[in-house]
Amino acid sequence: MRAAPIGFTYLITRDLKSTFDIAVDSARVTHGHPSGYLSAGALAAIIAMSADGQNLPEAVSAAIRLTSSIDGSREVCEALERAVLISREPKWRDRLPELGGAWVVRRRWL
């Protein structure tokens, strides 16, 4: 939820990497797993590019490029790629559950 408005800072800064990093850092406060904080950065990047007039597939591609260079990013990148593929299906709404819920949490047993 914090990451969405951060995406709009791009319209002022014109620095997508900085927008991504601010969202990631903001999410790290409460999300210890890379899938939690990197997805926040990806969301901010998608919003930034969309607000700047890019179409959604281009915005997601930009987010994947930023995210993929960071350790632990595979899960987020794969989820974004799956979402794009599903969005191209005629009955994409029926397939949304395949992407999982936003509330999914990983547990670590110590």
PDB file of N, CA and C in Angstrom:
ATOM      1  N   MET A   1       0.819  -1.193   0.000  1.00  0.00           N
ATOM      2  CA  MET A   1       0.000   0.000   0.000  1.00  0.00           C
ATOM      3  C   MET A   1       0.867   1.263   0.000  1.00  0.00           C
ATOM      4  N   ARG A   2       1.996   1.199   0.661  1.00  0.00           N
ATOM      5  CA  ARG A   2       2.883   2.371   0.663  1.00  0.00           C
ATOM      6  C   ARG A   2       3.510   2.588  -0.701  1.00  0.00           C
ATOM      7  N   ALA A   3       3.717   1.522  -1.442  1.00  0.00           N
ATOM      8  CA  ALA A   3       4.464   1.602  -2.699  1.00  0.00           C
ATOM      9  C   ALA A   3       3.692   2.310  -3.802  1.00  0.00           C
ATOM     10  N   ALA A   4       2.391   2.211  -3.803  1.00  0.00           N
ATOM     11  CA  ALA A   4       1.619   2.796  -4.903  1.00  0.00           C
ATOM     12  C   ALA A   4       1.872   4.297  -5.061  1.00  0.00           C
ATOM     13  N   PRO A   5       1.726   5.101  -4.016  1.00  0.00           N
ATOM     14  CA  PRO A   5       1.975   6.535  -4.217  1.00  0.00           C
ATOM     15  C   PRO A   5       3.438   6.862  -4.516  1.00  0.00           C
ATOM     16  N   ILE A   6       4.346   6.021  -4.068  1.00  0.00           N
ATOM     17  CA  ILE A   6       5.770   6.252  -4.358  1.00  0.00           C
ATOM     18  C   ILE A   6       6.008   6.232  -5.864  1.00  0.00           C
ATOM     19  N   GLY A   7       5.249   5.419  -6.567  1.00  0.00           N
ATOM     20  CA  GLY A   7       5.390   5.352  -8.022  1.00  0.00           C
ATOM     21  C   GLY A   7       5.213   6.695  -8.701  1.00  0.00           C
ATOM     22  N   PHE A   8       4.383   7.550  -8.133  1.00  0.00           N
ATOM     23  CA  PHE A   8       4.134   8.852  -8.748  1.00  0.00           C
ATOM     24  C   PHE A   8       5.298   9.828  -8.576  1.00  0.00           C
ATOM     25  N   THR A   9       6.233   9.526  -7.677  1.00  0.00           N
ATOM     26  CA  THR A   9       7.388  10.412  -7.520  1.00  0.00           C
ATOM     27  C   THR A   9       8.228  10.450  -8.802  1.00  0.00           C
ATOM     28  N   TYR A  10       8.108   9.404  -9.604  1.00  0.00           N
ATOM     29  CA  TYR A  10       8.837   9.366 -10.876  1.00  0.00           C
ATOM     30  C   TYR A  10       8.484  10.548 -11.768  1.00  0.00           C
ATOM     31  N   LEU A  11       7.259  10.999 -11.699  1.00  0.00           N
ATOM     32  CA  LEU A  11       6.823  12.106 -12.550  1.00  0.00           C
ATOM     33  C   LEU A  11       7.575  13.397 -12.220  1.00  0.00           C
ATOM     34  N   ILE A  12       8.145  13.454 -11.023  1.00  0.00           N
ATOM     35  CA  ILE A  12       8.931  14.615 -10.607  1.00  0.00           C
ATOM     36  C   ILE A  12      10.426  14.350 -10.820  1.00  0.00           C
ATOM     37  N   THR A  13      10.881  13.184 -10.374  1.00  0.00           N
ATOM     38  CA  THR A  13      12.319  12.895 -10.391  1.00  0.00           C
ATOM     39  C   THR A  13      12.833  12.402 -11.734  1.00  0.00           C
ATOM     40  N   ARG A  14      11.974  11.716 -12.485  1.00  0.00           N
ATOM     41  CA  ARG A  14      12.359  11.082 -13.746  1.00  0.00           C
ATOM     42  C   ARG A  14      13.481  10.069 -13.559  1.00  0.00           C
ATOM     43  N   ASP A  15      13.538   9.495 -12.372  1.00  0.00           N
ATOM     44  CA  ASP A  15      14.572   8.501 -12.044  1.00  0.00           C
ATOM     45  C   ASP A  15      13.872   7.220 -11.593  1.00  0.00           C
ATOM     46  N   LEU A  16      13.666   6.298 -12.529  1.00  0.00           N
ATOM     47  CA  LEU A  16      12.913   5.082 -12.231  1.00  0.00           C
ATOM     48  C   LEU A  16      13.619   4.214 -11.196  1.00  0.00           C
ATOM     49  N   LYS A  17      14.926   4.118 -11.277  1.00  0.00           N
ATOM     50  CA  LYS A  17      15.680   3.311 -10.306  1.00  0.00           C
ATOM     51  C   LYS A  17      15.496   3.869  -8.905  1.00  0.00           C
ATOM     52  N   SER A  18      15.542   5.164  -8.759  1.00  0.00           N
ATOM     53  CA  SER A  18      15.341   5.788  -7.455  1.00  0.00           C
ATOM     54  C   SER A  18      13.925   5.529  -6.936  1.00  0.00           C
ATOM     55  N   THR A  19      12.945   5.633  -7.809  1.00  0.00           N
ATOM     56  CA  THR A  19      11.556   5.349  -7.424  1.00  0.00           C
ATOM     57  C   THR A  19      11.437   3.915  -6.936  1.00  0.00           C
ATOM     58  N   PHE A  20      12.016   2.993  -7.684  1.00  0.00           N
ATOM     59  CA  PHE A  20      12.026   1.581  -7.313  1.00  0.00           C
ATOM     60  C   PHE A  20      12.691   1.393  -5.945  1.00  0.00           C
ATOM     61  N   ASP A  21      13.869   1.975  -5.776  1.00  0.00           N
ATOM     62  CA  ASP A  21      14.626   1.808  -4.530  1.00  0.00           C
ATOM     63  C   ASP A  21      13.892   2.372  -3.312  1.00  0.00           C
ATOM     64  N   ILE A  22      13.249   3.519  -3.473  1.00  0.00           N
ATOM     65  CA  ILE A  22      12.499   4.105  -2.355  1.00  0.00           C
ATOM     66  C   ILE A  22      11.369   3.168  -1.932  1.00  0.00           C
ATOM     67  N   ALA A  23      10.662   2.598  -2.893  1.00  0.00           N
ATOM     68  CA  ALA A  23       9.575   1.669  -2.576  1.00  0.00           C
ATOM     69  C   ALA A  23      10.105   0.407  -1.896  1.00  0.00           C
ATOM     70  N   VAL A  24      11.217  -0.106  -2.396  1.00  0.00           N
ATOM     71  CA  VAL A  24      11.840  -1.289  -1.786  1.00  0.00           C
ATOM     72  C   VAL A  24      12.224  -0.983  -0.340  1.00  0.00           C
ATOM     73  N   ASP A  25      12.898   0.135  -0.132  1.00  0.00           N
ATOM     74  CA  ASP A  25      13.326   0.499   1.229  1.00  0.00           C
ATOM     75  C   ASP A  25      12.138   0.707   2.159  1.00  0.00           C
ATOM     76  N   SER A  26      11.087   1.284   1.640  1.00  0.00           N
ATOM     77  CA  SER A  26       9.882   1.494   2.440  1.00  0.00           C
ATOM     78  C   SER A  26       9.265   0.162   2.864  1.00  0.00           C
ATOM     79  N   ALA A  27       9.243  -0.792   1.959  1.00  0.00           N
ATOM     80  CA  ALA A  27       8.639  -2.098   2.257  1.00  0.00           C
ATOM     81  C   ALA A  27       9.510  -2.951   3.165  1.00  0.00           C
ATOM     82  N   ARG A  28      10.809  -2.751   3.130  1.00  0.00           N
ATOM     83  CA  ARG A  28      11.707  -3.538   3.989  1.00  0.00           C
ATOM     84  C   ARG A  28      11.417  -3.337   5.467  1.00  0.00           C
ATOM     85  N   VAL A  29      10.835  -2.215   5.799  1.00  0.00           N
ATOM     86  CA  VAL A  29      10.518  -1.915   7.200  1.00  0.00           C
ATOM     87  C   VAL A  29       9.627  -3.005   7.796  1.00  0.00           C
ATOM     88  N   THR A  30       8.711  -3.522   7.006  1.00  0.00           N
ATOM     89  CA  THR A  30       7.762  -4.513   7.510  1.00  0.00           C
ATOM     90  C   THR A  30       7.795  -5.841   6.773  1.00  0.00           C
ATOM     91  N   HIS A  31       8.557  -5.940   5.706  1.00  0.00           N
ATOM     92  CA  HIS A  31       8.603  -7.170   4.911  1.00  0.00           C
ATOM     93  C   HIS A  31      10.040  -7.665   4.829  1.00  0.00           C
ATOM     94  N   GLY A  32      10.323  -8.744   5.506  1.00  0.00           N
ATOM     95  CA  GLY A  32      11.679  -9.261   5.556  1.00  0.00           C
ATOM     96  C   GLY A  32      12.078 -10.132   4.384  1.00  0.00           C
ATOM     97  N   HIS A  33      11.122 -10.639   3.662  1.00  0.00           N
ATOM     98  CA  HIS A  33      11.418 -11.536   2.548  1.00  0.00           C
ATOM     99  C   HIS A  33      11.535 -10.722   1.257  1.00  0.00           C
ATOM    100  N   PRO A  34      12.500 -11.071   0.387  1.00  0.00           N
ATOM    101  CA  PRO A  34      12.651 -10.332  -0.877  1.00  0.00           C
ATOM    102  C   PRO A  34      11.365 -10.245  -1.695  1.00  0.00           C
ATOM    103  N   SER A  35      10.534 -11.263  -1.647  1.00  0.00           N
ATOM    104  CA  SER A  35       9.291 -11.213  -2.421  1.00  0.00           C
ATOM    105  C   SER A  35       8.360 -10.120  -1.907  1.00  0.00           C
ATOM    106  N   GLY A  36       8.468  -9.781  -0.643  1.00  0.00           N
ATOM    107  CA  GLY A  36       7.655  -8.705  -0.087  1.00  0.00           C
ATOM    108  C   GLY A  36       8.161  -7.340  -0.478  1.00  0.00           C
ATOM    109  N   TYR A  37       9.454  -7.108  -0.297  1.00  0.00           N
ATOM    110  CA  TYR A  37       9.948  -5.760  -0.590  1.00  0.00           C
ATOM    111  C   TYR A  37      10.246  -5.530  -2.067  1.00  0.00           C
ATOM    112  N   LEU A  38      10.636  -6.553  -2.803  1.00  0.00           N
ATOM    113  CA  LEU A  38      10.886  -6.351  -4.229  1.00  0.00           C
ATOM    114  C   LEU A  38       9.582  -6.172  -5.015  1.00  0.00           C
ATOM    115  N   SER A  39       8.526  -6.824  -4.559  1.00  0.00           N
ATOM    116  CA  SER A  39       7.238  -6.626  -5.233  1.00  0.00           C
ATOM    117  C   SER A  39       6.756  -5.188  -5.047  1.00  0.00           C
ATOM    118  N   ALA A  40       7.092  -4.578  -3.908  1.00  0.00           N
ATOM    119  CA  ALA A  40       6.734  -3.175  -3.700  1.00  0.00           C
ATOM    120  C   ALA A  40       7.474  -2.286  -4.698  1.00  0.00           C
ATOM    121  N   GLY A  41       8.744  -2.557  -4.912  1.00  0.00           N
ATOM    122  CA  GLY A  41       9.505  -1.793  -5.894  1.00  0.00           C
ATOM    123  C   GLY A  41       8.960  -1.976  -7.294  1.00  0.00           C
ATOM    124  N   ALA A  42       8.595  -3.214  -7.619  1.00  0.00           N
ATOM    125  CA  ALA A  42       8.035  -3.492  -8.944  1.00  0.00           C
ATOM    126  C   ALA A  42       6.711  -2.754  -9.130  1.00  0.00           C
ATOM    127  N   LEU A  43       5.872  -2.760  -8.110  1.00  0.00           N
ATOM    128  CA  LEU A  43       4.596  -2.048  -8.201  1.00  0.00           C
ATOM    129  C   LEU A  43       4.826  -0.557  -8.425  1.00  0.00           C
ATOM    130  N   ALA A  44       5.743   0.037  -7.673  1.00  0.00           N
ATOM    131  CA  ALA A  44       6.029   1.463  -7.843  1.00  0.00           C
ATOM    132  C   ALA A  44       6.529   1.744  -9.259  1.00  0.00           C
ATOM    133  N   ALA A  45       7.370   0.870  -9.790  1.00  0.00           N
ATOM    134  CA  ALA A  45       7.872   1.055 -11.155  1.00  0.00           C
ATOM    135  C   ALA A  45       6.744   0.941 -12.176  1.00  0.00           C
ATOM    136  N   ILE A  46       5.847  -0.004 -11.984  1.00  0.00           N
ATOM    137  CA  ILE A  46       4.716  -0.171 -12.904  1.00  0.00           C
ATOM    138  C   ILE A  46       3.818   1.062 -12.871  1.00  0.00           C
ATOM    139  N   ILE A  47       3.539   1.561 -11.687  1.00  0.00           N
ATOM    140  CA  ILE A  47       2.718   2.760 -11.567  1.00  0.00           C
ATOM    141  C   ILE A  47       3.423   3.956 -12.196  1.00  0.00           C
ATOM    142  N   ALA A  48       4.727   4.074 -11.957  1.00  0.00           N
ATOM    143  CA  ALA A  48       5.501   5.181 -12.531  1.00  0.00           C
ATOM    144  C   ALA A  48       5.407   5.187 -14.049  1.00  0.00           C
ATOM    145  N   MET A  49       5.657   4.039 -14.650  1.00  0.00           N
ATOM    146  CA  MET A  49       5.653   3.956 -16.108  1.00  0.00           C
ATOM    147  C   MET A  49       4.241   4.149 -16.669  1.00  0.00           C
ATOM    148  N   SER A  50       3.261   3.612 -15.979  1.00  0.00           N
ATOM    149  CA  SER A  50       1.867   3.774 -16.424  1.00  0.00           C
ATOM    150  C   SER A  50       1.449   5.238 -16.342  1.00  0.00           C
ATOM    151  N   ALA A  51       1.806   5.897 -15.248  1.00  0.00           N
ATOM    152  CA  ALA A  51       1.460   7.315 -15.085  1.00  0.00           C
ATOM    153  C   ALA A  51       2.166   8.181 -16.117  1.00  0.00           C
ATOM    154  N   ASP A  52       3.279   7.698 -16.618  1.00  0.00           N
ATOM    155  CA  ASP A  52       4.038   8.436 -17.626  1.00  0.00           C
ATOM    156  C   ASP A  52       3.578   8.109 -19.049  1.00  0.00           C
ATOM    157  N   GLY A  53       2.546   7.285 -19.166  1.00  0.00           N
ATOM    158  CA  GLY A  53       1.969   7.020 -20.475  1.00  0.00           C
ATOM    159  C   GLY A  53       2.363   5.715 -21.132  1.00  0.00           C
ATOM    160  N   GLN A  54       3.186   4.902 -20.483  1.00  0.00           N
ATOM    161  CA  GLN A  54       3.559   3.605 -21.061  1.00  0.00           C
ATOM    162  C   GLN A  54       2.376   2.648 -20.951  1.00  0.00           C
ATOM    163  N   ASN A  55       2.270   1.732 -21.902  1.00  0.00           N
ATOM    164  CA  ASN A  55       1.215   0.732 -21.767  1.00  0.00           C
ATOM    165  C   ASN A  55       1.638  -0.286 -20.704  1.00  0.00           C
ATOM    166  N   LEU A  56       0.691  -1.052 -20.226  1.00  0.00           N
ATOM    167  CA  LEU A  56       0.953  -1.950 -19.107  1.00  0.00           C
ATOM    168  C   LEU A  56       2.032  -2.989 -19.391  1.00  0.00           C
ATOM    169  N   PRO A  57       2.027  -3.663 -20.535  1.00  0.00           N
ATOM    170  CA  PRO A  57       3.112  -4.623 -20.791  1.00  0.00           C
ATOM    171  C   PRO A  57       4.502  -3.977 -20.764  1.00  0.00           C
ATOM    172  N   GLU A  58       4.623  -2.765 -21.294  1.00  0.00           N
ATOM    173  CA  GLU A  58       5.919  -2.071 -21.256  1.00  0.00           C
ATOM    174  C   GLU A  58       6.301  -1.706 -19.826  1.00  0.00           C
ATOM    175  N   ALA A  59       5.320  -1.282 -19.040  1.00  0.00           N
ATOM    176  CA  ALA A  59       5.571  -0.922 -17.644  1.00  0.00           C
ATOM    177  C   ALA A  59       6.022  -2.139 -16.845  1.00  0.00           C
ATOM    178  N   VAL A  60       5.376  -3.276 -17.074  1.00  0.00           N
ATOM    179  CA  VAL A  60       5.758  -4.501 -16.371  1.00  0.00           C
ATOM    180  C   VAL A  60       7.150  -4.946 -16.807  1.00  0.00           C
ATOM    181  N   SER A  61       7.460  -4.822 -18.085  1.00  0.00           N
ATOM    182  CA  SER A  61       8.803  -5.177 -18.561  1.00  0.00           C
ATOM    183  C   SER A  61       9.869  -4.321 -17.882  1.00  0.00           C
ATOM    184  N   ALA A  62       9.602  -3.051 -17.720  1.00  0.00           N
ATOM    185  CA  ALA A  62      10.550  -2.165 -17.031  1.00  0.00           C
ATOM    186  C   ALA A  62      10.730  -2.608 -15.583  1.00  0.00           C
ATOM    187  N   ALA A  63       9.638  -2.972 -14.934  1.00  0.00           N
ATOM    188  CA  ALA A  63       9.706  -3.431 -13.544  1.00  0.00           C
ATOM    189  C   ALA A  63      10.507  -4.727 -13.433  1.00  0.00           C
ATOM    190  N   ILE A  64      10.311  -5.624 -14.363  1.00  0.00           N
ATOM    191  CA  ILE A  64      11.054  -6.892 -14.355  1.00  0.00           C
ATOM    192  C   ILE A  64      12.543  -6.627 -14.557  1.00  0.00           C
ATOM    193  N   ARG A  65      12.883  -5.728 -15.454  1.00  0.00           N
ATOM    194  CA  ARG A  65      14.305  -5.396 -15.679  1.00  0.00           C
ATOM    195  C   ARG A  65      14.947  -4.870 -14.394  1.00  0.00           C
ATOM    196  N   LEU A  66      14.260  -3.984 -13.700  1.00  0.00           N
ATOM    197  CA  LEU A  66      14.802  -3.437 -12.449  1.00  0.00           C
ATOM    198  C   LEU A  66      14.923  -4.507 -11.375  1.00  0.00           C
ATOM    199  N   THR A  67      13.904  -5.315 -11.248  1.00  0.00           N
ATOM    200  CA  THR A  67      13.827  -6.309 -10.183  1.00  0.00           C
ATOM    201  C   THR A  67      14.793  -7.460 -10.404  1.00  0.00           C
ATOM    202  N   SER A  68      14.950  -7.899 -11.629  1.00  0.00           N
ATOM    203  CA  SER A  68      15.704  -9.122 -11.920  1.00  0.00           C
ATOM    204  C   SER A  68      17.184  -9.043 -11.570  1.00  0.00           C
ATOM    205  N   SER A  69      17.706  -7.856 -11.418  1.00  0.00           N
ATOM    206  CA  SER A  69      19.138  -7.721 -11.115  1.00  0.00           C
ATOM    207  C   SER A  69      19.449  -7.869  -9.626  1.00  0.00           C
ATOM    208  N   ILE A  70      18.446  -8.129  -8.810  1.00  0.00           N
ATOM    209  CA  ILE A  70      18.626  -8.178  -7.360  1.00  0.00           C
ATOM    210  C   ILE A  70      18.490  -9.621  -6.871  1.00  0.00           C
ATOM    211  N   ASP A  71      19.371 -10.011  -5.967  1.00  0.00           N
ATOM    212  CA  ASP A  71      19.301 -11.356  -5.376  1.00  0.00           C
ATOM    213  C   ASP A  71      17.933 -11.586  -4.751  1.00  0.00           C
ATOM    214  N   GLY A  72      17.389 -12.767  -4.978  1.00  0.00           N
ATOM    215  CA  GLY A  72      16.100 -13.139  -4.397  1.00  0.00           C
ATOM    216  C   GLY A  72      14.905 -12.669  -5.196  1.00  0.00           C
ATOM    217  N   SER A  73      15.140 -12.216  -6.422  1.00  0.00           N
ATOM    218  CA  SER A  73      14.055 -11.623  -7.211  1.00  0.00           C
ATOM    219  C   SER A  73      13.294 -12.613  -8.085  1.00  0.00           C
ATOM    220  N   ARG A  74      13.774 -13.827  -8.175  1.00  0.00           N
ATOM    221  CA  ARG A  74      13.179 -14.783  -9.122  1.00  0.00           C
ATOM    222  C   ARG A  74      11.675 -14.939  -8.923  1.00  0.00           C
ATOM    223  N   GLU A  75      11.230 -15.095  -7.689  1.00  0.00           N
ATOM    224  CA  GLU A  75       9.806 -15.326  -7.421  1.00  0.00           C
ATOM    225  C   GLU A  75       8.950 -14.149  -7.912  1.00  0.00           C
ATOM    226  N   VAL A  76       9.403 -12.941  -7.661  1.00  0.00           N
ATOM    227  CA  VAL A  76       8.655 -11.758  -8.087  1.00  0.00           C
ATOM    228  C   VAL A  76       8.631 -11.667  -9.614  1.00  0.00           C
ATOM    229  N   CYS A  77       9.767 -11.852 -10.234  1.00  0.00           N
ATOM    230  CA  CYS A  77       9.831 -11.769 -11.701  1.00  0.00           C
ATOM    231  C   CYS A  77       8.961 -12.837 -12.357  1.00  0.00           C
ATOM    232  N   GLU A  78       9.007 -14.041 -11.834  1.00  0.00           N
ATOM    233  CA  GLU A  78       8.177 -15.111 -12.396  1.00  0.00           C
ATOM    234  C   GLU A  78       6.694 -14.806 -12.226  1.00  0.00           C
ATOM    235  N   ALA A  79       6.308 -14.244 -11.085  1.00  0.00           N
ATOM    236  CA  ALA A  79       4.903 -13.894 -10.859  1.00  0.00           C
ATOM    237  C   ALA A  79       4.462 -12.800 -11.837  1.00  0.00           C
ATOM    238  N   LEU A  80       5.310 -11.822 -12.062  1.00  0.00           N
ATOM    239  CA  LEU A  80       4.972 -10.764 -13.017  1.00  0.00           C
ATOM    240  C   LEU A  80       4.848 -11.327 -14.430  1.00  0.00           C
ATOM    241  N   GLU A  81       5.760 -12.196 -14.800  1.00  0.00           N
ATOM    242  CA  GLU A  81       5.695 -12.807 -16.135  1.00  0.00           C
ATOM    243  C   GLU A  81       4.432 -13.651 -16.291  1.00  0.00           C
ATOM    244  N   ARG A  82       4.068 -14.405 -15.240  1.00  0.00           N
ATOM    245  CA  ARG A  82       2.830 -15.206 -15.284  1.00  0.00           C
ATOM    246  C   ARG A  82       1.616 -14.298 -15.411  1.00  0.00           C
ATOM    247  N   ALA A  83       1.618 -13.194 -14.685  1.00  0.00           N
ATOM    248  CA  ALA A  83       0.489 -12.264 -14.739  1.00  0.00           C
ATOM    249  C   ALA A  83       0.307 -11.701 -16.150  1.00  0.00           C
ATOM    250  N   VAL A  84       1.402 -11.376 -16.807  1.00  0.00           N
ATOM    251  CA  VAL A  84       1.316 -10.855 -18.173  1.00  0.00           C
ATOM    252  C   VAL A  84       0.752 -11.924 -19.103  1.00  0.00           C
ATOM    253  N   LEU A  85       1.244 -13.146 -18.978  1.00  0.00           N
ATOM    254  CA  LEU A  85       0.731 -14.237 -19.832  1.00  0.00           C
ATOM    255  C   LEU A  85      -0.764 -14.460 -19.602  1.00  0.00           C
ATOM    256  N   ILE A  86      -1.166 -14.498 -18.348  1.00  0.00           N
ATOM    257  CA  ILE A  86      -2.580 -14.711 -18.034  1.00  0.00           C
ATOM    258  C   ILE A  86      -3.430 -13.556 -18.555  1.00  0.00           C
ATOM    259  N   SER A  87      -2.907 -12.342 -18.499  1.00  0.00           N
ATOM    260  CA  SER A  87      -3.682 -11.178 -18.948  1.00  0.00           C
ATOM    261  C   SER A  87      -4.010 -11.231 -20.436  1.00  0.00           C
ATOM    262  N   ARG A  88      -3.286 -12.023 -21.174  1.00  0.00           N
ATOM    263  CA  ARG A  88      -3.527 -12.136 -22.618  1.00  0.00           C
ATOM    264  C   ARG A  88      -4.605 -13.164 -22.958  1.00  0.00           C
ATOM    265  N   GLU A  89      -5.044 -13.904 -21.959  1.00  0.00           N
ATOM    266  CA  GLU A  89      -6.061 -14.935 -22.171  1.00  0.00           C
ATOM    267  C   GLU A  89      -7.455 -14.301 -22.218  1.00  0.00           C
ATOM    268  N   PRO A  90      -8.349 -14.861 -23.037  1.00  0.00           N
ATOM    269  CA  PRO A  90      -9.702 -14.301 -23.116  1.00  0.00           C
ATOM    270  C   PRO A  90     -10.434 -14.321 -21.764  1.00  0.00           C
ATOM    271  N   LYS A  91     -10.237 -15.351 -21.001  1.00  0.00           N
ATOM    272  CA  LYS A  91     -10.921 -15.461 -19.701  1.00  0.00           C
ATOM    273  C   LYS A  91      -9.928 -15.264 -18.569  1.00  0.00           C
ATOM    274  N   TRP A  92      -9.157 -14.209 -18.654  1.00  0.00           N
ATOM    275  CA  TRP A  92      -8.094 -13.964 -17.682  1.00  0.00           C
ATOM    276  C   TRP A  92      -8.617 -13.844 -16.256  1.00  0.00           C
ATOM    277  N   ARG A  93      -9.813 -13.312 -16.079  1.00  0.00           N
ATOM    278  CA  ARG A  93     -10.358 -13.157 -14.723  1.00  0.00           C
ATOM    279  C   ARG A  93     -10.507 -14.512 -14.024  1.00  0.00           C
ATOM    280  N   ASP A  94     -10.847 -15.530 -14.784  1.00  0.00           N
ATOM    281  CA  ASP A  94     -11.005 -16.865 -14.207  1.00  0.00           C
ATOM    282  C   ASP A  94      -9.673 -17.443 -13.742  1.00  0.00           C
ATOM    283  N   ARG A  95      -8.586 -16.929 -14.258  1.00  0.00           N
ATOM    284  CA  ARG A  95      -7.260 -17.474 -13.940  1.00  0.00           C
ATOM    285  C   ARG A  95      -6.533 -16.697 -12.846  1.00  0.00           C
ATOM    286  N   LEU A  96      -7.107 -15.615 -12.377  1.00  0.00           N
ATOM    287  CA  LEU A  96      -6.444 -14.801 -11.354  1.00  0.00           C
ATOM    288  C   LEU A  96      -6.040 -15.584 -10.101  1.00  0.00           C
ATOM    289  N   PRO A  97      -6.853 -16.534  -9.638  1.00  0.00           N
ATOM    290  CA  PRO A  97      -6.441 -17.282  -8.443  1.00  0.00           C
ATOM    291  C   PRO A  97      -5.105 -18.013  -8.595  1.00  0.00           C
ATOM    292  N   GLU A  98      -4.702 -18.286  -9.826  1.00  0.00           N
ATOM    293  CA  GLU A  98      -3.421 -18.947 -10.061  1.00  0.00           C
ATOM    294  C   GLU A  98      -2.242 -18.082  -9.619  1.00  0.00           C
ATOM    295  N   LEU A  99      -2.454 -16.798  -9.549  1.00  0.00           N
ATOM    296  CA  LEU A  99      -1.381 -15.882  -9.169  1.00  0.00           C
ATOM    297  C   LEU A  99      -1.193 -15.805  -7.660  1.00  0.00           C
ATOM    298  N   GLY A 100      -2.152 -16.334  -6.912  1.00  0.00           N
ATOM    299  CA  GLY A 100      -2.046 -16.294  -5.451  1.00  0.00           C
ATOM    300  C   GLY A 100      -2.721 -15.068  -4.894  1.00  0.00           C
ATOM    301  N   GLY A 101      -2.745 -15.009  -3.565  1.00  0.00           N
ATOM    302  CA  GLY A 101      -3.370 -13.873  -2.892  1.00  0.00           C
ATOM    303  C   GLY A 101      -2.329 -12.904  -2.378  1.00  0.00           C
ATOM    304  N   ALA A 102      -2.713 -11.675  -2.255  1.00  0.00           N
ATOM    305  CA  ALA A 102      -1.783 -10.649  -1.771  1.00  0.00           C
ATOM    306  C   ALA A 102      -1.438 -10.851  -0.303  1.00  0.00           C
ATOM    307  N   TRP A 103      -2.180 -11.659   0.362  1.00  0.00           N
ATOM    308  CA  TRP A 103      -1.978 -11.864   1.795  1.00  0.00           C
ATOM    309  C   TRP A 103      -1.044 -13.017   2.097  1.00  0.00           C
ATOM    310  N   VAL A 104      -0.512 -13.680   1.087  1.00  0.00           N
ATOM    311  CA  VAL A 104       0.325 -14.860   1.295  1.00  0.00           C
ATOM    312  C   VAL A 104       1.598 -14.465   2.030  1.00  0.00           C
ATOM    313  N   VAL A 105       1.913 -15.231   3.056  1.00  0.00           N
ATOM    314  CA  VAL A 105       3.102 -14.953   3.868  1.00  0.00           C
ATOM    315  C   VAL A 105       3.942 -16.216   3.957  1.00  0.00           C
ATOM    316  N   ARG A 106       5.236 -16.051   3.865  1.00  0.00           N
ATOM    317  CA  ARG A 106       6.147 -17.178   4.055  1.00  0.00           C
ATOM    318  C   ARG A 106       6.508 -17.256   5.531  1.00  0.00           C
ATOM    319  N   ARG A 107       6.612 -18.448   6.041  1.00  0.00           N
ATOM    320  CA  ARG A 107       7.019 -18.629   7.436  1.00  0.00           C
ATOM    321  C   ARG A 107       8.385 -19.271   7.471  1.00  0.00           C
ATOM    322  N   ARG A 108       9.195 -18.793   8.373  1.00  0.00           N
ATOM    323  CA  ARG A 108      10.501 -19.409   8.583  1.00  0.00           C
ATOM    324  C   ARG A 108      10.479 -20.090   9.935  1.00  0.00           C
ATOM    325  N   TRP A 109      10.899 -21.316   9.931  1.00  0.00           N
ATOM    326  CA  TRP A 109      10.993 -22.056  11.184  1.00  0.00           C
ATOM    327  C   TRP A 109      12.435 -22.035  11.645  1.00  0.00           C
ATOM    328  N   LEU A 110      12.668 -21.513  12.801  1.00  0.00           N
ATOM    329  CA  LEU A 110      14.042 -21.416  13.329  1.00  0.00           C
ATOM    330  C   LEU A 110      14.392 -22.608  14.169  1.00  0.00           C
TER     331      LEU A 110
END
